[in-house]
Amino acid sequence: MSPAGSAAGPGSGWNSHPGSSPCWNCWPAGRARRSPRRICSTTRGPTRPRIPTWWRRASAPSARRWTPRSTGSPCRPYGVPATGWWTTVNATEPRCRWWPRSVRARAALAAASAAAVILVGIGWWVHHDVYRQSTQIAEEQARENLLALVDQLKEGVVPSGRSAVPYEVVATGRRTAVASGGGMEDFDPGARHVLPTPSALFAPPPNDGAEWGYTIRPLRIPVRHDHHPGNGLDLAGRTYPVLYADVRAGELGSDKAAALGVTADATLRAYVVLLPDTAEAITSTTDGLLLRAGLVGLVLIAAAAYFTVRIALRPVEAIRALTASVTASDPRERVTVPATGHEITALATTINTTLQRLDDAAARQRRFVADAAHELRSPLTTLLASLEVALAYPERTDWPATATTAARQTRRLHSLAEDLLLLARLDTRAPAADPETVDLTALASRLAEQYPLTERPLTLTCDSTAPAYARGNPDAYERLLRNLIDNAARHAAHRIQITVRNQDAWVVLTVHDDGPGVPTEDAERIFERFVRLDDARSRDRGGTGLGLAIARDLAHRHRGTLTLAPRTLGACFELRVPRAPAPDEE
């Protein structure tokens, strides 16, 4: 069957073009190809007999889908809608995360994990301690049973077979056991004894007659054909710790030896099997109790951690909701600060401080926009009025005077636009250019000599004793000093004095005028943007109200300060910047 015949029709699925056979690129890997040089009707290019590298079978077992491996654009299967699996099969699916996203769930999981480690350690210690103590108790009980058995042998009494403790008494020179019980009687009493007989050489126990010594060692109870387990313990084929003690029949007397069925030169050995079943049963019961208690404890610990974190995060959720409701136009909402004094209190305080800064920044921005609009409106109004009057009465208009007024107002607009652009650059905190070593003494002297003449006669002097070097941008320093001189020139009566000096690690530059001065309460307000004092409201002397604000921003950008120094006459602005070594000393 040809490929075209196998893929014809709209319902054929993945491997057909409308009205044509599939091209090489549109065939999935592993299928037979009979047209290696066919021109693809979609990509419009010849194909080569190669295995495509951008097809792979999708993992969905319910459909035979093929997805591209590369960024190429394969032919979309004929009959498949554009919004079907073809557009969604390549969507990136989120990975399955075993670690929960919720902080509460994470805290609960972490607490449960830590508690599980601790409880496992405690359970292991309790398990071994209970088993050890149970084994010690069982060994002590077996020792008491062994001593009681030895006492009976010393009295010449054959121990009774009815005993819950497995024991066996054997003797040298005797094939069968003297006595047995507790499960050892399941072996044929007429057959050979189960446990080995003692050596012919007898070693007397220590403190003969006062304390009977005993020995403990593991012995395997053999599996024999004469073993018929009854209702008791099935001991055959297992290894148990065995306690035993030896008794010399010659020390008992002939009558007692005869009563025990041994000769006078025989040695009796009494065995008591130490069964760990009781210790294992106690340990198993303890393990079950510990497991159930541990699971309940883990659930309680996880629940306690979950609800504790939930209660602790309640103020955080309130802070989040309130912060989300704060808008840029009305950032006046504040977070309730808890009185607990923990980390949430610090977070709430920080959020309130941030909101207050945002509120202040928004207020400054609104005030700045209003002041800028007000400053722009005045020259625009003057310019528009002069032009409208000139256009209304062209024959009576003094066109040179009108052009002079328009040029003056245009220069004022240009100066204001430049100041606003500079403030915008300073507000962005963009990285400064590579700093240079600037001689502020030479800069101040040059500006004092080149300062243009004003309508009023002013005396501008520069007083300096030595070069004063500082690191920074020369253009920025020149703009800063020029703004200070312009401000002094607008308010000085007759004289402006510039002083530059080195003071310890600082360069101090002052600009002093003999004008009306600045009131003490306005010493900081004059550095705000678009601020003019009452006697400086007149705009006929120029100025945009941004000169001192720009000067202070430039001083801060050079790690310096600009303040108003107290003076009895006029105003004195003091600039302090870090002192730099001379160029020949670097």
Protein backbone atom coordinates (compact mmCIF):
# COMPACT_ATOMS: atom_id res chain seq x y z
CA MET A 1 0.00 0.00 0.00
CA SER A 2 1.44 3.40 -0.96
CA PRO A 3 1.89 6.16 1.50
CA ALA A 4 -0.63 8.26 -0.32
CA GLY A 5 -3.20 5.55 -0.09
CA SER A 6 -2.59 5.02 3.58
CA ALA A 7 -3.05 8.69 4.40
CA ALA A 8 -5.78 9.92 2.12
CA GLY A 9 -8.73 11.93 3.25
CA PRO A 10 -9.36 14.50 5.91
CA GLY A 11 -9.77 11.91 8.59
CA SER A 12 -6.49 10.16 7.92
CA GLY A 13 -4.75 12.09 10.69
CA TRP A 14 -1.12 12.95 10.88
CA ASN A 15 0.50 12.15 7.53
CA SER A 16 -1.32 13.78 4.64
CA HIS A 17 -1.41 17.07 2.75
CA PRO A 18 -4.63 18.28 1.17
CA GLY A 19 -4.90 16.50 -2.12
CA SER A 20 -1.35 15.13 -2.21
CA SER A 21 0.92 12.52 -0.75
CA PRO A 22 2.92 13.35 2.35
CA CYS A 23 6.36 14.83 1.90
CA TRP A 24 9.51 13.39 3.43
CA ASN A 25 9.66 15.94 6.24
CA CYS A 26 6.08 15.22 7.24
CA TRP A 27 6.60 11.47 7.65
CA PRO A 28 7.25 10.23 11.19
CA ALA A 29 10.45 8.35 11.86
CA GLY A 30 10.33 4.63 11.24
CA ARG A 31 7.75 4.64 8.43
CA ALA A 32 8.47 3.48 4.87
CA ARG A 33 9.18 6.26 2.38
CA ARG A 34 8.73 5.87 -1.34
CA SER A 35 9.20 9.48 -2.54
CA PRO A 36 12.58 10.65 -1.27
CA ARG A 37 12.75 13.57 -3.72
CA ARG A 38 9.14 14.78 -3.48
CA ILE A 39 8.57 18.55 -3.18
CA CYS A 40 6.77 19.48 0.03
CA SER A 41 3.61 21.45 -0.79
CA THR A 42 3.89 23.37 2.47
CA THR A 43 7.61 24.05 2.90
CA ARG A 44 8.13 24.30 -0.92
CA GLY A 45 11.51 22.64 -0.83
CA PRO A 46 12.99 19.33 -1.93
CA THR A 47 13.39 16.68 0.66
CA ARG A 48 16.28 14.29 1.20
CA PRO A 49 16.23 10.67 2.33
CA ARG A 50 17.17 11.30 5.94
CA ILE A 51 15.59 10.60 9.27
CA PRO A 52 13.99 13.79 10.58
CA THR A 53 15.53 15.10 13.76
CA TRP A 54 12.52 17.12 14.81
CA TRP A 55 9.93 14.42 15.31
CA ARG A 56 9.29 12.28 18.33
CA ARG A 57 6.27 10.41 19.50
CA ALA A 58 4.22 11.99 22.24
CA SER A 59 3.91 10.09 25.49
CA ALA A 60 0.11 9.96 25.45
CA PRO A 61 -0.87 6.33 24.91
CA SER A 62 -4.37 7.22 23.73
CA ALA A 63 -3.32 8.90 20.50
CA ARG A 64 -0.55 8.51 17.93
CA ARG A 65 0.83 12.04 18.06
CA TRP A 66 4.11 13.38 16.81
CA THR A 67 5.77 16.49 18.14
CA PRO A 68 8.73 18.48 16.76
CA ARG A 69 12.09 18.31 18.44
CA SER A 70 13.54 21.43 16.85
CA THR A 71 12.28 24.93 16.16
CA GLY A 72 11.34 24.10 12.59
CA SER A 73 7.78 24.52 11.33
CA PRO A 74 6.43 21.13 10.25
CA CYS A 75 3.34 20.69 8.16
CA ARG A 76 0.21 20.64 10.29
CA PRO A 77 -1.73 17.39 9.79
CA TYR A 78 -4.58 17.70 7.37
CA GLY A 79 -7.92 17.75 9.13
CA VAL A 80 -6.45 18.74 12.49
CA PRO A 81 -7.82 22.10 13.74
CA ALA A 82 -5.34 24.83 14.62
CA THR A 83 -6.63 24.94 18.18
CA GLY A 84 -6.43 21.20 18.81
CA TRP A 85 -3.67 19.08 20.26
CA TRP A 86 -1.25 20.42 17.65
CA THR A 87 -1.08 23.79 19.42
CA THR A 88 -1.06 22.41 22.95
CA VAL A 89 1.08 19.28 22.74
CA ASN A 90 4.26 21.33 22.89
CA ALA A 91 3.12 23.48 25.80
CA THR A 92 5.52 23.38 28.70
CA GLU A 93 3.89 21.52 31.55
CA PRO A 94 4.77 22.46 35.13
CA ARG A 95 6.99 20.01 36.88
CA CYS A 96 5.61 17.97 39.68
CA ARG A 97 6.93 19.48 42.90
CA TRP A 98 7.16 17.34 46.00
CA TRP A 99 7.95 20.40 48.12
CA PRO A 100 4.72 22.32 48.83
CA ARG A 101 4.43 25.99 47.94
CA SER A 102 2.50 27.01 51.04
CA VAL A 103 4.62 28.25 53.94
CA ARG A 104 2.21 26.59 56.37
CA ALA A 105 2.52 23.24 54.62
CA ARG A 106 6.30 23.61 54.43
CA ALA A 107 6.52 24.36 58.14
CA ALA A 108 4.28 21.39 58.93
CA LEU A 109 6.33 19.10 56.69
CA ALA A 110 9.62 20.35 58.15
CA ALA A 111 8.36 19.95 61.72
CA ALA A 112 7.02 16.48 60.98
CA SER A 113 10.29 15.47 59.31
CA ALA A 114 12.38 16.72 62.22
CA ALA A 115 10.03 15.08 64.70
CA ALA A 116 10.15 11.84 62.70
CA VAL A 117 13.94 11.77 62.89
CA ILE A 118 13.85 12.42 66.64
CA LEU A 119 11.09 9.87 67.24
CA VAL A 120 12.90 7.23 65.19
CA GLY A 121 16.01 7.78 67.29
CA ILE A 122 14.00 7.61 70.51
CA GLY A 123 12.16 4.52 69.27
CA TRP A 124 15.42 2.80 68.36
CA TRP A 125 16.85 3.56 71.80
CA VAL A 126 13.66 2.42 73.58
CA HIS A 127 13.53 -0.75 71.46
CA HIS A 128 17.07 -1.76 72.36
CA ASP A 129 16.72 -0.71 75.98
CA VAL A 130 13.48 -2.67 76.44
CA TYR A 131 14.98 -5.70 74.74
CA ARG A 132 18.12 -5.45 76.87
CA GLN A 133 16.18 -5.12 80.10
CA SER A 134 13.78 -7.91 79.13
CA THR A 135 16.74 -10.14 78.28
CA GLN A 136 18.38 -9.34 81.60
CA ILE A 137 15.16 -10.20 83.44
CA ALA A 138 14.86 -13.46 81.50
CA GLU A 139 18.50 -14.29 82.21
CA GLU A 140 18.02 -13.57 85.91
CA GLN A 141 14.95 -15.81 85.95
CA ALA A 142 16.85 -18.57 84.13
CA ARG A 143 19.69 -18.22 86.65
CA GLU A 144 17.27 -18.61 89.54
CA ASN A 145 15.75 -21.67 87.86
CA LEU A 146 19.24 -23.11 87.32
CA LEU A 147 20.19 -22.59 90.96
CA ALA A 148 16.91 -24.16 92.07
CA LEU A 149 17.59 -27.13 89.80
CA VAL A 150 21.08 -27.54 91.23
CA ASP A 151 19.68 -27.42 94.76
CA GLN A 152 17.28 -30.26 93.91
CA LEU A 153 20.14 -32.32 92.50
CA LYS A 154 22.16 -31.76 95.67
CA GLU A 155 19.24 -33.07 97.66
CA GLY A 156 19.10 -36.16 95.46
CA VAL A 157 15.70 -35.25 94.07
CA VAL A 158 14.96 -35.84 90.41
CA PRO A 159 13.38 -32.61 89.07
CA SER A 160 9.81 -32.81 87.88
CA GLY A 161 9.13 -32.72 84.14
CA ARG A 162 6.33 -30.23 84.61
CA SER A 163 8.14 -26.97 84.10
CA ALA A 164 7.60 -23.92 81.97
CA VAL A 165 11.34 -23.44 81.63
CA PRO A 166 13.14 -25.79 79.22
CA TYR A 167 15.84 -27.73 81.08
CA GLU A 168 17.76 -30.97 80.85
CA VAL A 169 20.03 -32.80 83.31
CA VAL A 170 22.68 -35.08 81.82
CA ALA A 171 25.45 -37.14 83.42
CA THR A 172 28.67 -38.78 82.36
CA GLY A 173 28.41 -42.48 81.84
CA ARG A 174 24.69 -42.27 81.18
CA ARG A 175 23.12 -42.44 77.72
CA THR A 176 19.73 -40.94 78.56
CA ALA A 177 18.92 -37.73 80.34
CA VAL A 178 18.50 -37.73 84.11
CA ALA A 179 15.57 -35.32 83.82
CA SER A 180 14.07 -32.93 81.26
CA GLY A 181 11.11 -30.62 80.93
CA GLY A 182 9.68 -27.45 79.44
CA GLY A 183 9.73 -28.82 75.89
CA MET A 184 12.90 -30.88 76.11
CA GLU A 185 10.74 -33.91 76.92
CA ASP A 186 9.41 -33.82 73.36
CA PHE A 187 12.46 -35.86 72.46
CA ASP A 188 12.15 -39.62 73.10
CA PRO A 189 13.10 -40.11 76.78
CA GLY A 190 14.46 -43.55 75.92
CA ALA A 191 16.82 -42.17 73.32
CA ARG A 192 20.09 -40.35 73.86
CA HIS A 193 20.06 -37.06 75.74
CA VAL A 194 19.86 -33.91 73.64
CA LEU A 195 22.53 -31.64 75.12
CA PRO A 196 26.17 -32.73 75.52
CA THR A 197 27.55 -34.28 78.70
CA PRO A 198 30.30 -32.56 80.69
CA SER A 199 33.95 -33.48 80.46
CA ALA A 200 35.32 -36.27 82.64
CA LEU A 201 37.63 -33.74 84.33
CA PHE A 202 35.53 -31.79 86.79
CA ALA A 203 36.36 -28.19 87.62
CA PRO A 204 34.77 -27.26 90.96
CA PRO A 205 32.78 -24.03 91.06
CA PRO A 206 34.17 -21.05 92.99
CA ASN A 207 33.28 -20.70 96.69
CA ASP A 208 32.31 -24.35 97.02
CA GLY A 209 29.25 -24.68 99.19
CA ALA A 210 28.50 -20.92 99.31
CA GLU A 211 27.64 -19.85 95.74
CA TRP A 212 27.11 -22.08 92.73
CA GLY A 213 28.81 -20.78 89.62
CA TYR A 214 27.21 -21.11 86.18
CA THR A 215 28.19 -20.62 82.57
CA ILE A 216 26.21 -19.23 79.65
CA ARG A 217 26.87 -19.96 76.01
CA PRO A 218 24.82 -20.44 72.83
CA LEU A 219 23.92 -24.01 71.93
CA ARG A 220 21.95 -25.37 69.01
CA ILE A 221 19.28 -27.88 69.85
CA PRO A 222 19.50 -30.52 67.13
CA VAL A 223 16.70 -31.80 64.93
CA ARG A 224 16.24 -35.56 65.48
CA HIS A 225 13.86 -38.17 64.22
CA ASP A 226 12.66 -38.94 67.72
CA HIS A 227 11.44 -35.38 68.24
CA HIS A 228 7.66 -35.15 68.49
CA PRO A 229 6.55 -31.61 69.36
CA GLY A 230 3.70 -31.50 71.76
CA ASN A 231 1.68 -28.54 72.92
CA GLY A 232 4.76 -26.83 74.30
CA LEU A 233 7.62 -25.02 72.59
CA ASP A 234 9.18 -26.39 69.43
CA LEU A 235 12.86 -26.05 70.34
CA ALA A 236 14.48 -28.29 67.74
CA GLY A 237 16.67 -26.70 65.09
CA ARG A 238 17.22 -23.41 66.93
CA THR A 239 20.12 -21.85 68.77
CA TYR A 240 19.49 -20.47 72.25
CA PRO A 241 21.62 -19.06 75.04
CA VAL A 242 21.97 -21.89 77.56
CA LEU A 243 22.93 -21.61 81.25
CA TYR A 244 24.48 -24.67 82.84
CA ALA A 245 26.20 -25.72 86.03
CA ASP A 246 28.04 -28.95 86.95
CA VAL A 247 27.51 -31.08 90.08
CA ARG A 248 29.86 -33.91 91.12
CA ALA A 249 27.88 -36.97 92.18
CA GLY A 250 30.64 -38.10 94.55
CA GLU A 251 30.00 -35.06 96.73
CA LEU A 252 26.30 -35.93 97.05
CA GLY A 253 26.68 -39.33 98.66
CA SER A 254 25.93 -42.78 97.36
CA ASP A 255 22.25 -42.68 98.34
CA LYS A 256 21.57 -39.41 96.52
CA ALA A 257 23.58 -40.55 93.51
CA ALA A 258 21.61 -43.78 93.40
CA ALA A 259 18.37 -41.81 93.67
CA LEU A 260 19.44 -39.76 90.68
CA GLY A 261 20.39 -42.91 88.75
CA VAL A 262 24.07 -42.09 88.35
CA THR A 263 27.29 -43.60 89.62
CA ALA A 264 29.35 -42.01 92.37
CA ASP A 265 32.11 -40.95 89.97
CA ALA A 266 29.72 -39.31 87.52
CA THR A 267 29.38 -35.60 86.88
CA LEU A 268 25.94 -34.11 86.46
CA ARG A 269 25.29 -31.04 84.30
CA ALA A 270 22.07 -29.09 84.57
CA TYR A 271 21.04 -27.05 81.51
CA VAL A 272 18.47 -24.25 81.49
CA VAL A 273 17.52 -22.80 78.10
CA LEU A 274 17.17 -19.03 78.02
CA LEU A 275 14.17 -18.29 75.82
CA PRO A 276 14.17 -14.81 74.20
CA ASP A 277 10.53 -15.19 73.24
CA THR A 278 9.31 -13.21 76.21
CA ALA A 279 11.78 -10.39 75.55
CA GLU A 280 10.87 -10.40 71.87
CA ALA A 281 7.16 -10.35 72.67
CA ILE A 282 7.61 -7.44 75.07
CA THR A 283 9.76 -5.61 72.53
CA SER A 284 7.28 -6.27 69.74
CA THR A 285 4.43 -4.94 71.87
CA THR A 286 6.51 -1.91 72.77
CA ASP A 287 7.37 -1.34 69.11
CA GLY A 288 3.70 -1.41 68.18
CA LEU A 289 2.83 1.07 70.89
CA LEU A 290 5.72 3.30 69.87
CA LEU A 291 4.69 3.15 66.22
CA ARG A 292 1.10 4.12 66.94
CA ALA A 293 2.15 6.80 69.40
CA GLY A 294 4.76 8.09 66.96
CA LEU A 295 2.26 8.36 64.11
CA VAL A 296 -0.22 10.16 66.33
CA GLY A 297 2.58 12.39 67.59
CA LEU A 298 3.70 13.23 64.05
CA VAL A 299 0.17 14.16 63.06
CA LEU A 300 -0.22 16.32 66.17
CA ILE A 301 3.17 17.98 65.65
CA ALA A 302 2.44 18.68 61.97
CA ALA A 303 -1.00 20.05 62.84
CA ALA A 304 0.42 22.17 65.65
CA ALA A 305 3.13 23.55 63.35
CA TYR A 306 0.60 24.20 60.59
CA PHE A 307 -1.83 26.11 62.78
CA THR A 308 0.95 27.89 64.67
CA VAL A 309 2.43 29.20 61.43
CA ARG A 310 -1.06 30.00 60.20
CA ILE A 311 -1.73 32.11 63.28
CA ALA A 312 1.72 33.71 63.04
CA LEU A 313 1.18 34.56 59.37
CA ARG A 314 -2.21 36.10 59.96
CA PRO A 315 -0.71 39.60 60.39
CA VAL A 316 1.41 39.00 57.30
CA GLU A 317 -1.70 38.18 55.29
CA ALA A 318 -3.35 41.33 56.62
CA ILE A 319 -0.27 43.33 55.64
CA ARG A 320 -0.31 41.76 52.18
CA ALA A 321 -3.99 42.51 51.64
CA LEU A 322 -3.62 46.10 52.80
CA THR A 323 -0.46 46.64 50.75
CA ALA A 324 -2.24 45.27 47.69
CA SER A 325 -5.02 47.81 48.20
CA VAL A 326 -2.59 50.74 48.24
CA THR A 327 -2.61 52.64 44.97
CA ALA A 328 -0.17 55.17 43.62
CA SER A 329 -2.81 57.88 43.67
CA ASP A 330 -3.77 57.34 47.31
CA PRO A 331 -0.97 55.65 49.31
CA ARG A 332 -2.35 56.84 52.64
CA GLU A 333 -3.32 53.48 54.10
CA ARG A 334 -1.13 52.20 56.90
CA VAL A 335 -0.56 48.75 58.36
CA THR A 336 -1.60 48.05 61.93
CA VAL A 337 1.58 47.41 63.89
CA PRO A 338 1.20 44.42 66.28
CA ALA A 339 2.21 45.02 69.87
CA THR A 340 4.02 41.69 70.12
CA GLY A 341 7.47 43.09 69.37
CA HIS A 342 8.57 40.17 67.15
CA GLU A 343 9.58 40.08 63.49
CA ILE A 344 6.06 40.86 62.27
CA THR A 345 6.22 44.15 64.17
CA ALA A 346 9.46 45.05 62.40
CA LEU A 347 7.91 44.08 59.06
CA ALA A 348 4.82 46.22 59.69
CA THR A 349 6.99 49.15 60.75
CA THR A 350 9.11 48.80 57.61
CA ILE A 351 6.00 48.59 55.42
CA ASN A 352 4.57 51.74 57.03
CA THR A 353 7.88 53.54 56.54
CA THR A 354 7.95 52.48 52.90
CA LEU A 355 4.35 53.59 52.38
CA GLN A 356 5.16 56.92 54.01
CA ARG A 357 8.11 57.37 51.66
CA LEU A 358 5.88 56.52 48.71
CA ASP A 359 3.29 59.01 49.95
CA ASP A 360 5.93 61.70 50.34
CA ALA A 361 7.36 60.90 46.90
CA ALA A 362 3.90 61.09 45.34
CA ALA A 363 3.25 64.41 47.09
CA ARG A 364 6.60 65.76 45.89
CA GLN A 365 5.85 64.59 42.39
CA ARG A 366 2.44 66.25 42.37
CA ARG A 367 3.90 69.45 43.78
CA PHE A 368 6.75 69.34 41.28
CA VAL A 369 4.35 68.90 38.36
CA ALA A 370 2.16 71.73 39.62
CA ASP A 371 5.15 74.03 40.13
CA ALA A 372 6.58 73.15 36.74
CA ALA A 373 3.24 73.85 35.09
CA HIS A 374 3.02 77.15 36.94
CA GLU A 375 6.53 78.13 35.88
CA LEU A 376 5.83 77.18 32.29
CA ARG A 377 2.51 79.02 32.22
CA SER A 378 3.98 82.44 33.02
CA PRO A 379 6.40 82.73 30.05
CA LEU A 380 3.92 81.03 27.76
CA THR A 381 1.21 83.49 28.81
CA THR A 382 3.53 86.45 28.26
CA LEU A 383 4.66 85.09 24.90
CA LEU A 384 1.11 84.32 23.77
CA ALA A 385 -0.22 87.72 24.87
CA SER A 386 2.50 89.65 23.06
CA LEU A 387 2.00 87.65 19.89
CA GLU A 388 -1.80 87.96 19.97
CA VAL A 389 -1.59 91.74 20.46
CA ALA A 390 0.90 92.01 17.62
CA LEU A 391 -1.31 89.95 15.33
CA ALA A 392 -4.41 91.93 16.30
CA TYR A 393 -2.80 95.31 15.57
CA PRO A 394 -0.02 94.63 13.11
CA GLU A 395 0.18 98.20 11.82
CA ARG A 396 0.73 99.59 15.34
CA THR A 397 3.04 96.83 16.61
CA ASP A 398 6.67 97.44 17.43
CA TRP A 399 7.93 94.24 15.88
CA PRO A 400 11.53 94.46 17.16
CA ALA A 401 10.26 94.89 20.73
CA THR A 402 7.81 92.03 20.25
CA ALA A 403 10.57 89.80 18.91
CA THR A 404 12.79 90.77 21.84
CA THR A 405 10.05 89.84 24.31
CA ALA A 406 9.41 86.55 22.52
CA ALA A 407 13.11 85.72 22.48
CA ARG A 408 13.45 86.52 26.18
CA GLN A 409 10.51 84.29 27.11
CA THR A 410 11.76 81.54 24.80
CA ARG A 411 15.17 81.63 26.47
CA ARG A 412 13.43 81.37 29.80
CA LEU A 413 11.48 78.33 28.61
CA HIS A 414 14.69 76.81 27.27
CA SER A 415 16.48 77.36 30.58
CA LEU A 416 13.58 75.84 32.49
CA ALA A 417 13.50 72.81 30.18
CA GLU A 418 17.24 72.27 30.64
CA ASP A 419 16.89 72.49 34.42
CA LEU A 420 14.02 70.00 34.41
CA LEU A 421 16.01 67.61 32.22
CA LEU A 422 19.02 67.86 34.52
CA LEU A 423 16.87 67.18 37.58
CA ALA A 424 15.38 64.15 35.83
CA ARG A 425 18.87 62.80 35.16
CA LEU A 426 19.90 63.41 38.75
CA ASP A 427 16.78 61.66 40.05
CA THR A 428 17.53 58.53 38.02
CA ARG A 429 20.80 58.07 39.96
CA ALA A 430 22.56 57.07 36.77
CA PRO A 431 26.21 56.08 37.18
CA ALA A 432 28.50 59.08 36.88
CA ALA A 433 31.30 59.32 34.39
CA ASP A 434 34.86 58.57 35.37
CA PRO A 435 35.80 61.18 37.97
CA GLU A 436 38.62 63.60 37.33
CA THR A 437 40.75 65.73 39.61
CA VAL A 438 39.34 69.27 39.51
CA ASP A 439 41.05 72.38 40.89
CA LEU A 440 38.15 74.29 42.47
CA THR A 441 40.37 77.35 43.05
CA ALA A 442 41.14 77.66 39.34
CA LEU A 443 37.50 76.98 38.45
CA ALA A 444 36.20 79.68 40.82
CA SER A 445 38.77 82.21 39.57
CA ARG A 446 37.86 81.56 35.94
CA LEU A 447 34.11 81.90 36.57
CA ALA A 448 34.68 85.12 38.53
CA GLU A 449 36.65 86.61 35.63
CA GLN A 450 34.29 85.43 32.89
CA TYR A 451 30.98 86.16 34.63
CA PRO A 452 28.89 88.45 32.36
CA LEU A 453 28.10 91.98 33.44
CA THR A 454 24.65 92.67 34.88
CA GLU A 455 22.39 95.70 34.81
CA ARG A 456 23.49 96.57 38.35
CA PRO A 457 27.16 97.23 39.12
CA LEU A 458 28.49 94.24 41.14
CA THR A 459 31.96 93.45 42.39
CA LEU A 460 32.79 89.72 42.07
CA THR A 461 36.02 88.63 43.77
CA CYS A 462 37.65 85.25 44.41
CA ASP A 463 39.76 84.78 47.51
CA SER A 464 41.99 81.71 47.65
CA THR A 465 45.42 80.93 49.05
CA ALA A 466 46.29 77.57 47.47
CA PRO A 467 44.96 75.04 44.94
CA ALA A 468 42.05 72.96 46.22
CA TYR A 469 41.58 69.63 44.45
CA ALA A 470 38.45 67.45 44.46
CA ARG A 471 37.36 64.40 42.50
CA GLY A 472 34.35 64.62 40.22
CA ASN A 473 32.92 65.82 36.94
CA PRO A 474 34.32 69.24 35.89
CA ASP A 475 31.07 70.19 34.10
CA ALA A 476 29.03 69.31 37.18
CA TYR A 477 31.27 71.42 39.42
CA GLU A 478 31.04 74.32 36.98
CA ARG A 479 27.23 74.06 36.87
CA LEU A 480 27.08 73.93 40.67
CA LEU A 481 29.30 76.99 41.16
CA ARG A 482 27.57 78.93 38.36
CA ASN A 483 24.17 78.33 39.99
CA LEU A 484 25.48 79.68 43.30
CA ILE A 485 26.93 82.78 41.59
CA ASP A 486 23.68 83.36 39.64
CA ASN A 487 21.66 83.14 42.84
CA ALA A 488 24.01 85.58 44.61
CA ALA A 489 23.94 87.99 41.64
CA ARG A 490 20.14 88.19 41.75
CA HIS A 491 20.10 89.15 45.43
CA ALA A 492 23.41 90.98 46.06
CA ALA A 493 23.43 94.73 46.56
CA HIS A 494 26.98 95.57 45.50
CA ARG A 495 29.42 92.74 46.20
CA ILE A 496 29.89 88.95 45.81
CA GLN A 497 32.85 87.15 47.35
CA ILE A 498 33.97 83.57 46.55
CA THR A 499 36.32 81.85 48.99
CA VAL A 500 38.07 78.49 48.47
CA ARG A 501 40.19 76.85 51.17
CA ASN A 502 41.44 73.44 52.29
CA GLN A 503 40.20 72.32 55.69
CA ASP A 504 41.51 68.93 56.88
CA ALA A 505 40.06 66.29 54.54
CA TRP A 506 37.60 68.70 52.92
CA VAL A 507 37.57 71.46 50.35
CA VAL A 508 35.33 74.31 51.54
CA LEU A 509 33.95 76.76 48.97
CA THR A 510 31.71 79.67 50.01
CA VAL A 511 29.71 82.20 47.95
CA HIS A 512 28.81 85.27 50.03
CA ASP A 513 26.62 88.18 48.91
CA ASP A 514 25.61 91.41 50.68
CA GLY A 515 21.93 91.09 49.87
CA PRO A 516 18.90 90.86 52.20
CA GLY A 517 19.86 87.38 53.42
CA VAL A 518 17.67 84.37 54.17
CA PRO A 519 15.52 83.94 57.29
CA THR A 520 16.60 81.14 59.59
CA GLU A 521 13.31 79.28 59.20
CA ASP A 522 13.82 79.15 55.41
CA ALA A 523 17.41 77.90 55.54
CA GLU A 524 16.40 74.45 54.25
CA ARG A 525 13.29 75.36 52.28
CA ILE A 526 15.25 77.40 49.76
CA PHE A 527 16.86 74.18 48.51
CA GLU A 528 13.49 72.76 47.51
CA ARG A 529 12.41 72.88 43.92
CA PHE A 530 10.52 75.93 42.62
CA VAL A 531 10.83 77.71 45.97
CA ARG A 532 11.15 81.52 46.01
CA LEU A 533 11.10 83.68 49.08
CA ASP A 534 8.70 86.63 49.33
CA ASP A 535 11.16 89.31 48.25
CA ALA A 536 12.29 87.17 45.37
CA ARG A 537 8.87 86.52 43.88
CA SER A 538 9.52 88.89 41.03
CA ARG A 539 10.55 87.00 37.92
CA ASP A 540 11.87 89.96 36.01
CA ARG A 541 15.40 89.09 37.18
CA GLY A 542 15.20 85.61 35.68
CA GLY A 543 15.67 82.31 37.46
CA THR A 544 13.53 79.21 37.49
CA GLY A 545 13.57 78.34 41.18
CA LEU A 546 15.63 75.22 40.46
CA GLY A 547 19.19 76.52 40.74
CA LEU A 548 19.79 75.78 44.43
CA ALA A 549 17.98 72.43 44.20
CA ILE A 550 20.24 71.39 41.32
CA ALA A 551 23.31 72.64 43.18
CA ARG A 552 22.50 70.56 46.28
CA ASP A 553 21.81 67.45 44.20
CA LEU A 554 25.16 67.87 42.45
CA ALA A 555 26.90 68.31 45.80
CA HIS A 556 25.33 65.11 47.14
CA ARG A 557 26.31 63.30 43.95
CA HIS A 558 29.94 64.22 44.70
CA ARG A 559 29.63 62.98 48.31
CA GLY A 560 29.53 66.54 49.58
CA THR A 561 27.12 68.95 51.28
CA LEU A 562 25.66 72.35 50.42
CA THR A 563 24.28 74.41 53.30
CA LEU A 564 23.41 77.98 54.18
CA ALA A 565 26.04 79.28 56.60
CA PRO A 566 24.84 81.74 59.27
CA ARG A 567 25.83 85.35 58.53
CA THR A 568 24.80 88.73 59.93
CA LEU A 569 24.83 90.36 56.50
CA GLY A 570 23.61 88.76 53.30
CA ALA A 571 23.56 85.07 52.46
CA CYS A 572 26.52 82.69 52.46
CA PHE A 573 26.30 79.26 50.81
CA GLU A 574 28.96 76.75 51.89
CA LEU A 575 29.98 73.76 49.74
CA ARG A 576 32.00 70.92 51.28
CA VAL A 577 33.43 68.12 49.14
CA PRO A 578 36.08 65.48 49.92
CA ARG A 579 39.60 66.68 49.31
CA ALA A 580 41.69 64.87 46.68
CA PRO A 581 45.48 64.69 46.31
CA ALA A 582 47.19 66.82 43.72
CA PRO A 583 47.64 65.23 40.27
CA ASP A 584 51.42 64.99 40.72
CA GLU A 585 50.94 63.15 44.04
CA GLU A 586 48.67 60.42 42.70
